[in-house]
Protein backbone atom coordinates (compact mmCIF):
# COMPACT_ATOMS: atom_id res chain seq x y z
CA UNK A 1 111.42 76.56 121.46
CA UNK A 2 109.61 73.34 122.35
CA UNK A 3 107.04 75.34 124.27
CA UNK A 4 106.30 77.52 121.23
CA UNK A 5 105.91 74.42 119.06
CA UNK A 6 103.46 72.85 121.52
CA UNK A 7 101.41 76.03 121.79
CA UNK A 8 101.44 76.43 117.99
CA UNK A 9 100.15 72.86 117.54
CA UNK A 10 97.42 73.45 120.05
CA UNK A 11 96.29 76.61 118.32
CA UNK A 12 96.45 75.00 114.87
CA UNK A 13 94.33 72.05 116.03
CA UNK A 14 91.75 74.43 117.57
CA UNK A 15 91.44 76.44 114.34
CA UNK A 16 91.12 73.15 112.44
CA UNK A 17 88.38 71.82 114.71
CA UNK A 18 86.31 75.05 114.40
CA UNK A 19 86.85 75.04 110.59
CA UNK A 20 88.34 78.51 110.50
CA UNK A 21 91.14 77.09 108.41
CA UNK A 22 88.45 76.24 105.86
CA UNK A 23 85.74 78.83 105.88
CA UNK A 24 87.92 81.96 106.18
CA UNK A 25 89.85 81.10 102.95
CA UNK A 26 86.59 80.20 101.22
CA UNK A 27 85.21 83.69 101.86
CA UNK A 28 88.20 85.31 100.30
CA UNK A 29 88.28 82.88 97.35
CA UNK A 30 84.58 83.64 96.77
CA UNK A 31 85.15 87.33 96.46
CA UNK A 32 88.33 86.76 94.46
CA UNK A 33 86.24 84.77 92.02
CA UNK A 34 83.00 86.77 92.01
CA UNK A 35 84.59 90.19 91.31
CA UNK A 36 86.07 89.40 87.84
CA UNK A 37 83.06 87.26 86.88
CA UNK A 38 80.53 89.84 87.96
CA UNK A 39 82.41 92.66 86.20
CA UNK A 40 82.65 90.65 83.00
CA UNK A 41 79.09 89.44 82.85
CA UNK A 42 77.49 92.57 84.30
CA UNK A 43 75.68 93.53 81.00
CA UNK A 44 74.15 90.04 80.72
CA UNK A 45 73.14 90.13 84.40
CA UNK A 46 71.40 93.45 83.91
CA UNK A 47 69.61 92.16 80.80
CA UNK A 48 68.46 89.08 82.68
CA UNK A 49 67.18 90.67 85.86
CA UNK A 50 66.83 94.35 85.03
CA UNK A 51 63.21 94.20 83.71
CA UNK A 52 63.90 97.28 81.62
CA UNK A 53 61.80 98.44 78.61
CA UNK A 54 62.78 96.97 75.29
CA UNK A 55 65.52 98.89 73.64
CA UNK A 56 66.88 100.45 76.83
CA UNK A 57 70.64 100.40 76.94
CA UNK A 58 73.15 101.52 79.44
CA UNK A 59 76.74 102.26 78.44
CA UNK A 60 78.93 99.96 80.52
CA UNK A 61 82.39 100.97 81.54
CA UNK A 62 85.30 98.96 80.22
CA UNK A 63 87.34 97.68 83.14
CA UNK A 64 91.10 97.34 82.91
CA UNK A 65 92.70 94.24 84.47
CA UNK A 66 94.24 96.41 87.18
CA UNK A 67 90.87 97.88 88.06
CA UNK A 68 89.30 94.49 88.49
CA UNK A 69 92.04 93.33 90.92
CA UNK A 70 91.76 96.65 92.82
CA UNK A 71 87.99 96.10 93.05
CA UNK A 72 88.69 92.71 94.63
CA UNK A 73 90.97 94.31 97.13
CA UNK A 74 88.19 96.87 97.78
CA UNK A 75 85.90 94.01 98.78
CA UNK A 76 88.61 92.74 101.14
CA UNK A 77 89.07 96.16 102.71
CA UNK A 78 85.54 96.06 104.09
CA UNK A 79 84.07 92.58 104.04
CA UNK A 80 87.41 90.85 104.36
CA UNK A 81 88.45 92.97 107.34
CA UNK A 82 85.08 92.29 108.99
CA UNK A 83 85.53 88.58 108.50
CA UNK A 84 89.02 88.63 110.07
CA UNK A 85 87.81 90.62 113.05
CA UNK A 86 84.76 88.40 113.65
CA UNK A 87 86.79 85.19 113.18
CA UNK A 88 89.67 86.04 115.53
CA UNK A 89 88.29 88.63 118.03
CA UNK A 90 87.93 85.93 120.74
CA UNK A 91 91.26 84.23 120.15
CA UNK A 92 92.54 85.22 123.58
CA UNK A 93 89.62 86.81 125.39
CA UNK A 94 87.41 83.76 124.85
CA UNK A 95 89.98 81.54 126.60
CA UNK A 96 89.91 83.81 129.62
CA UNK A 97 86.10 83.68 129.72
CA UNK A 98 85.56 79.95 129.29
CA UNK A 99 88.33 78.99 131.63
CA UNK A 100 90.63 77.42 129.09
CA UNK A 101 93.16 80.22 129.64
CA UNK A 102 93.20 79.49 133.38
CA UNK A 103 94.48 75.94 132.70
CA UNK A 104 97.28 77.52 130.64
CA UNK A 105 98.07 80.38 132.95
CA UNK A 106 98.71 78.16 135.93
CA UNK A 107 101.57 76.55 134.04
CA UNK A 108 105.01 78.20 133.90
CA UNK A 109 104.64 79.26 130.27
CA UNK A 110 106.22 82.15 128.40
CA UNK A 111 103.58 84.73 127.59
CA UNK A 112 105.64 85.75 124.61
CA UNK A 113 105.36 82.22 123.23
CA UNK A 114 101.66 82.10 124.12
CA UNK A 115 100.93 85.27 122.17
CA UNK A 116 103.34 84.46 119.35
CA UNK A 117 101.82 81.01 118.76
CA UNK A 118 98.44 82.57 118.24
CA UNK A 119 99.86 85.39 116.10
CA UNK A 120 101.59 82.84 113.85
CA UNK A 121 98.51 80.69 113.34
CA UNK A 122 96.11 83.63 112.79
CA UNK A 123 98.63 85.32 110.46
CA UNK A 124 99.08 82.11 108.45
CA UNK A 125 95.32 81.68 108.02
CA UNK A 126 94.77 85.30 107.11
CA UNK A 127 97.65 85.41 104.61
CA UNK A 128 96.66 82.06 103.10
CA UNK A 129 93.10 83.34 102.68
CA UNK A 130 94.14 86.64 101.13
CA UNK A 131 96.67 85.06 98.76
CA UNK A 132 94.27 82.40 97.61
CA UNK A 133 91.60 84.98 96.93
CA UNK A 134 93.97 87.35 95.11
CA UNK A 135 95.49 84.51 93.02
CA UNK A 136 91.96 83.47 92.05
CA UNK A 137 91.13 87.03 91.04
CA UNK A 138 94.39 87.36 89.14
CA UNK A 139 93.73 84.13 87.20
CA UNK A 140 90.25 84.94 86.17
CA UNK A 141 91.08 88.56 85.44
CA UNK A 142 93.75 87.28 83.05
CA UNK A 143 91.19 85.03 81.31
CA UNK A 144 88.45 87.58 81.03
CA UNK A 145 90.08 91.05 80.89
CA UNK A 146 93.76 90.71 80.09
CA UNK A 147 97.12 90.14 81.69
CA UNK A 148 98.54 91.77 84.79
CA UNK A 149 102.27 91.31 84.95
CA UNK A 150 103.46 88.83 87.57
CA UNK A 151 106.00 91.32 88.96
CA UNK A 152 103.27 93.98 89.44
CA UNK A 153 100.89 91.52 91.00
CA UNK A 154 103.40 90.05 93.49
CA UNK A 155 104.57 93.52 94.51
CA UNK A 156 100.89 94.43 95.09
CA UNK A 157 100.09 91.25 97.01
CA UNK A 158 103.32 91.42 99.06
CA UNK A 159 102.60 94.98 100.14
CA UNK A 160 99.00 94.13 100.97
CA UNK A 161 100.23 91.15 103.10
CA UNK A 162 101.97 93.56 105.46
CA UNK A 163 98.70 95.42 105.88
CA UNK A 164 96.96 92.06 106.67
CA UNK A 165 99.55 91.29 109.34
CA UNK A 166 98.98 94.70 110.83
CA UNK A 167 95.25 93.99 110.92
CA UNK A 168 95.50 90.57 112.66
CA UNK A 169 97.99 92.02 115.13
CA UNK A 170 95.49 94.73 116.11
CA UNK A 171 92.78 92.10 116.51
CA UNK A 172 94.95 89.80 118.73
CA UNK A 173 96.27 92.72 120.84
CA UNK A 174 92.73 93.94 121.49
CA UNK A 175 91.66 90.39 122.29
CA UNK A 176 94.45 90.16 124.85
CA UNK A 177 93.36 93.41 126.43
CA UNK A 178 89.53 93.44 126.34
CA UNK A 179 86.57 91.08 126.47
CA UNK A 180 85.47 89.68 123.14
CA UNK A 181 82.86 92.36 122.43
CA UNK A 182 85.24 95.19 123.33
CA UNK A 183 87.98 93.65 121.27
CA UNK A 184 85.70 93.45 118.20
CA UNK A 185 84.45 97.04 118.65
CA UNK A 186 87.86 98.62 119.13
CA UNK A 187 89.37 96.50 116.32
CA UNK A 188 86.70 97.63 113.88
CA UNK A 189 87.20 101.20 115.00
CA UNK A 190 90.96 101.02 114.35
CA UNK A 191 90.74 99.11 111.16
CA UNK A 192 87.58 100.30 109.38
CA UNK A 193 86.73 103.73 110.82
CA UNK A 194 90.33 105.01 110.72
CA UNK A 195 90.48 103.64 107.18
CA UNK A 196 87.45 105.77 106.27
CA UNK A 197 88.96 108.81 107.94
CA UNK A 198 92.20 108.26 106.01
CA UNK A 199 90.34 108.06 102.74
CA UNK A 200 88.57 111.33 103.48
CA UNK A 201 91.41 113.32 105.02
CA UNK A 202 94.42 111.29 103.99
CA UNK A 203 95.55 113.95 101.49
CA UNK A 204 97.09 115.80 104.44
CA UNK A 205 99.57 112.97 105.19
CA UNK A 206 101.37 110.40 103.08
CA UNK A 207 103.00 108.12 105.68
CA UNK A 208 100.80 105.74 107.63
CA UNK A 209 100.00 102.06 108.03
CA UNK A 210 96.56 102.79 106.62
CA UNK A 211 98.22 104.03 103.44
CA UNK A 212 99.62 100.54 102.62
CA UNK A 213 96.51 99.28 100.86
CA UNK A 214 96.65 102.46 98.60
CA UNK A 215 100.33 101.95 97.92
CA UNK A 216 99.69 98.29 97.19
CA UNK A 217 97.28 99.21 94.35
CA UNK A 218 99.74 101.67 92.94
CA UNK A 219 102.06 98.74 92.02
CA UNK A 220 99.34 97.71 89.52
CA UNK A 221 99.37 101.02 87.72
CA UNK A 222 103.01 102.00 88.08
CA UNK A 223 104.73 102.29 91.37
CA UNK A 224 104.24 104.30 94.59
CA UNK A 225 106.50 107.06 95.72
CA UNK A 226 109.44 105.19 97.12
CA UNK A 227 110.03 107.46 100.09
CA UNK A 228 106.43 107.49 101.34
CA UNK A 229 106.10 103.75 100.60
CA UNK A 230 109.14 102.62 102.53
CA UNK A 231 108.50 104.97 105.46
CA UNK A 232 104.92 103.60 105.68
CA UNK A 233 106.27 100.06 105.48
CA UNK A 234 108.77 100.76 108.31
CA UNK A 235 106.18 102.42 110.53
CA UNK A 236 103.76 99.53 109.99
CA UNK A 237 106.38 96.93 110.90
CA UNK A 238 107.27 98.92 114.03
CA UNK A 239 103.56 99.20 114.86
CA UNK A 240 103.19 95.41 114.51
CA UNK A 241 106.11 94.87 116.91
CA UNK A 242 104.70 97.42 119.37
CA UNK A 243 101.20 95.80 119.23
CA UNK A 244 102.77 92.36 119.83
CA UNK A 245 104.61 93.70 122.90
CA UNK A 246 101.38 95.23 124.10
CA UNK A 247 99.50 91.96 123.52
CA UNK A 248 102.09 89.96 125.42
CA UNK A 249 101.98 92.44 128.33
CA UNK A 250 98.15 92.44 128.46
CA UNK A 251 98.09 88.60 128.30
CA UNK A 252 100.40 88.47 131.32
CA UNK A 253 98.47 91.20 133.22
CA UNK A 254 95.10 89.58 132.65
CA UNK A 255 96.56 86.22 133.53
CA UNK A 256 97.70 87.52 136.93
CA UNK A 257 94.13 88.76 137.55
CA UNK A 258 92.77 85.38 136.56
CA UNK A 259 95.06 83.57 139.01
CA UNK A 260 94.00 85.88 141.76
């Protein structure tokens, strides 16, 4: 237990020194703020910069509060995922490359604690960032568009949090396995490309970790199908555990190569 605490503190200090604990949340807060403001002031923005002939009008859609929060999540599903991958793709692989990992590997450490300490810190930063961004969006959506019930919002954000943990576990497992560039490429493939495939062909299946973001939004407009939702949650949690086991194993295997 003491070893896990020491490794956790080391990882936390490192993410504090490189300001990830600051700039990653700021990115999510920015999009959480900008989406409701942009949606609300879009007609004025178009009038100011559109340079359209006098008298030209465009009918603007009226956004519901749920649609604004879903649009915020839509930003996170692309830009947010890209930020998380780029921020944490080298969490383990970079230590192997710069020699920091060698200093750790020569000590009799538990590779489970080594991986878990990184997973906990990265997960905390990612969840803190997403929650701060979503709470910002919820607050300004309530001011500008109308109220979203707290129970609906927290069900939505809680479901989306499981997806975020799935994402960061993929990134860390790939970082334990591959060099930084390979980890980034495969992480983006698994997170973004599979997500696009699911959006195009996902009508043929209803249970998948990649469905969680869709089921999260359904809490804002009603509720998802309970069977599909809970099966997807269970499979996602099992996938997270499997990816963590894989990450621990790859950390240990690559450590043995480093020692040699």
